[in-house]
């Protein structure tokens, strides 16, 4: 029995770019997908604003810069599949050719994550230090806002997968 080979992040980016070239016009021409793209962008803005107002972004940046971080460590990029990366291309994100920091996620750049549509782990995770610094009400409110982003992202992923179908042999 042959062992299953998984794609490297560079291969996934290449596959996403090939899918974008082959399918972008049809995907942008689909009213349902365009509606989901717009809703996802609005939900991402809401999540980002909530994280800024609660200073989660500052705490994460300080942890990464001063404490060595771990949330955006090397290997996190392996959770992404070509369809998630294709969605980022549809959201006009430039996918980097190489990693900015050797011990960090491929998508972490000096200004933070370059992706708009991110994996559930990247969006929803709050370390114990953050959970202790936020009130239960703030955590619940943030999770509700983030949940809307994740639900829309999932719906968009499924809509794109159904449209692109077997052309997206993600592994």
Protein backbone atom coordinates (compact mmCIF):
# COMPACT_ATOMS: atom_id res chain seq x y z
CA UNK A 1 0.00 0.00 0.00
CA UNK A 2 1.44 3.34 -1.06
CA UNK A 3 1.79 6.05 1.59
CA UNK A 4 -0.30 9.14 0.99
CA UNK A 5 1.81 12.17 0.05
CA UNK A 6 0.77 15.53 1.36
CA UNK A 7 1.37 18.75 -0.51
CA UNK A 8 3.89 21.26 0.80
CA UNK A 9 2.64 24.79 1.40
CA UNK A 10 4.42 25.90 -1.77
CA UNK A 11 2.60 23.20 -3.75
CA UNK A 12 -0.73 24.22 -2.19
CA UNK A 13 -0.08 27.85 -3.15
CA UNK A 14 0.76 26.74 -6.70
CA UNK A 15 -2.43 24.68 -6.87
CA UNK A 16 -4.48 27.61 -5.54
CA UNK A 17 -2.96 29.94 -8.13
CA UNK A 18 -3.69 27.46 -10.93
CA UNK A 19 -7.29 27.13 -9.71
CA UNK A 20 -7.59 30.92 -9.59
CA UNK A 21 -6.37 31.25 -13.17
CA UNK A 22 -8.75 28.54 -14.38
CA UNK A 23 -11.82 29.43 -12.30
CA UNK A 24 -11.71 33.09 -11.18
CA UNK A 25 -14.04 34.40 -13.90
CA UNK A 26 -16.64 31.71 -13.20
CA UNK A 27 -16.36 32.13 -9.44
CA UNK A 28 -16.65 35.94 -9.61
CA UNK A 29 -19.57 35.43 -12.01
CA UNK A 30 -21.50 33.34 -9.48
CA UNK A 31 -23.90 35.58 -7.52
CA UNK A 32 -23.98 33.24 -4.50
CA UNK A 33 -20.21 33.09 -4.24
CA UNK A 34 -19.92 36.88 -4.64
CA UNK A 35 -22.50 37.38 -1.88
CA UNK A 36 -20.52 35.05 0.41
CA UNK A 37 -17.23 36.80 -0.43
CA UNK A 38 -18.79 40.15 0.51
CA UNK A 39 -20.32 38.75 3.71
CA UNK A 40 -17.00 37.15 4.66
CA UNK A 41 -15.14 40.44 4.18
CA UNK A 42 -17.71 42.23 6.39
CA UNK A 43 -17.43 39.52 9.05
CA UNK A 44 -13.62 39.67 8.95
CA UNK A 45 -13.80 43.45 9.49
CA UNK A 46 -16.11 42.89 12.50
CA UNK A 47 -13.78 40.26 13.99
CA UNK A 48 -10.74 42.45 13.45
CA UNK A 49 -12.46 45.44 15.06
CA UNK A 50 -13.55 43.34 18.05
CA UNK A 51 -10.03 41.97 18.53
CA UNK A 52 -8.60 45.49 18.32
CA UNK A 53 -11.11 46.90 20.79
CA UNK A 54 -10.26 44.12 23.27
CA UNK A 55 -6.53 44.59 22.52
CA UNK A 56 -6.17 40.93 21.54
CA UNK A 57 -4.09 41.97 18.53
CA UNK A 58 -1.64 43.87 20.76
CA UNK A 59 -1.35 40.99 23.22
CA UNK A 60 -0.64 38.52 20.40
CA UNK A 61 1.94 40.82 18.81
CA UNK A 62 3.67 41.37 22.17
CA UNK A 63 3.70 37.61 22.83
CA UNK A 64 5.17 36.89 19.40
CA UNK A 65 7.83 39.62 19.65
CA UNK A 66 8.76 39.46 23.34
CA UNK A 67 7.83 35.98 24.55
CA UNK A 68 8.63 33.90 21.48
CA UNK A 69 4.98 33.21 20.64
CA UNK A 70 3.77 29.87 19.41
CA UNK A 71 0.35 30.44 17.86
CA UNK A 72 1.83 31.40 14.49
CA UNK A 73 4.63 28.84 14.62
CA UNK A 74 6.05 26.93 11.68
CA UNK A 75 3.65 24.20 10.62
CA UNK A 76 0.40 26.10 11.11
CA UNK A 77 0.35 26.68 7.34
CA UNK A 78 -0.10 22.93 6.88
CA UNK A 79 -3.71 23.26 8.05
CA UNK A 80 -4.57 25.25 4.92
CA UNK A 81 -5.78 23.54 1.78
CA UNK A 82 -5.66 24.88 -1.79
CA UNK A 83 -9.34 25.93 -1.64
CA UNK A 84 -8.77 28.08 1.45
CA UNK A 85 -5.84 29.67 -0.33
CA UNK A 86 -7.97 30.12 -3.48
CA UNK A 87 -10.54 31.98 -1.37
CA UNK A 88 -7.77 34.29 -0.20
CA UNK A 89 -6.81 34.93 -3.82
CA UNK A 90 -10.48 35.73 -4.55
CA UNK A 91 -10.24 38.23 -1.67
CA UNK A 92 -7.24 39.83 -3.42
CA UNK A 93 -4.61 38.50 -1.00
CA UNK A 94 -1.07 38.05 -2.28
CA UNK A 95 0.27 34.66 -1.16
CA UNK A 96 3.97 34.86 -0.26
CA UNK A 97 6.54 32.79 -2.16
CA UNK A 98 8.59 32.20 0.97
CA UNK A 99 8.27 32.56 4.71
CA UNK A 100 9.29 35.85 6.33
CA UNK A 101 10.41 34.26 9.60
CA UNK A 102 12.10 30.83 9.66
CA UNK A 103 10.33 29.55 12.79
CA UNK A 104 6.91 30.96 12.02
CA UNK A 105 3.92 30.19 9.84
CA UNK A 106 4.51 30.69 6.12
CA UNK A 107 1.76 33.35 6.09
CA UNK A 108 3.05 35.45 9.02
CA UNK A 109 4.57 38.70 7.82
CA UNK A 110 5.92 41.74 9.67
CA UNK A 111 2.42 43.26 9.89
CA UNK A 112 0.75 40.01 10.99
CA UNK A 113 -1.01 37.30 9.04
CA UNK A 114 -1.27 38.08 5.34
CA UNK A 115 -4.38 35.92 4.94
CA UNK A 116 -7.91 37.30 5.19
CA UNK A 117 -9.76 33.98 5.22
CA UNK A 118 -8.01 32.05 7.96
CA UNK A 119 -8.29 28.56 9.42
CA UNK A 120 -10.53 28.06 12.45
CA UNK A 121 -7.47 27.53 14.68
CA UNK A 122 -6.04 30.87 13.65
CA UNK A 123 -9.28 32.77 14.19
CA UNK A 124 -10.86 31.13 17.23
CA UNK A 125 -7.93 30.23 19.50
CA UNK A 126 -7.43 32.25 22.68
CA UNK A 127 -4.52 31.16 24.86
CA UNK A 128 -5.06 30.80 28.60
CA UNK A 129 -3.25 34.10 29.23
CA UNK A 130 -5.73 35.94 26.98
CA UNK A 131 -8.70 34.10 28.43
CA UNK A 132 -7.64 35.17 31.93
CA UNK A 133 -7.17 38.81 30.89
CA UNK A 134 -10.62 39.11 29.29
CA UNK A 135 -13.97 39.03 31.03
CA UNK A 136 -16.25 36.07 30.37
CA UNK A 137 -18.65 38.50 28.65
CA UNK A 138 -15.90 39.77 26.34
CA UNK A 139 -14.81 36.21 25.47
CA UNK A 140 -18.41 35.23 24.70
CA UNK A 141 -19.00 38.35 22.59
CA UNK A 142 -15.76 37.80 20.68
CA UNK A 143 -16.56 34.14 20.06
CA UNK A 144 -19.97 35.12 18.72
CA UNK A 145 -18.46 37.60 16.27
CA UNK A 146 -15.71 35.19 15.25
CA UNK A 147 -18.30 32.44 14.86
CA UNK A 148 -20.08 34.47 12.18
CA UNK A 149 -16.80 34.81 10.27
CA UNK A 150 -16.13 31.09 10.54
CA UNK A 151 -19.65 30.10 9.47
CA UNK A 152 -19.45 32.33 6.42
CA UNK A 153 -15.96 31.06 5.60
CA UNK A 154 -17.19 27.47 5.80
CA UNK A 155 -20.21 28.22 3.58
CA UNK A 156 -17.93 29.91 1.04
CA UNK A 157 -15.44 27.03 1.12
CA UNK A 158 -18.27 24.58 0.41
CA UNK A 159 -19.73 26.73 -2.39
CA UNK A 160 -16.31 27.04 -4.06
CA UNK A 161 -15.65 23.32 -3.60
CA UNK A 162 -18.96 22.44 -5.27
CA UNK A 163 -18.26 24.83 -8.17
CA UNK A 164 -14.65 23.78 -8.73
CA UNK A 165 -15.31 20.14 -7.89
CA UNK A 166 -12.70 17.52 -8.71
CA UNK A 167 -10.36 20.16 -10.14
CA UNK A 168 -9.38 20.89 -6.55
CA UNK A 169 -7.71 17.68 -5.45
CA UNK A 170 -6.75 19.05 -2.04
CA UNK A 171 -4.70 16.95 0.32
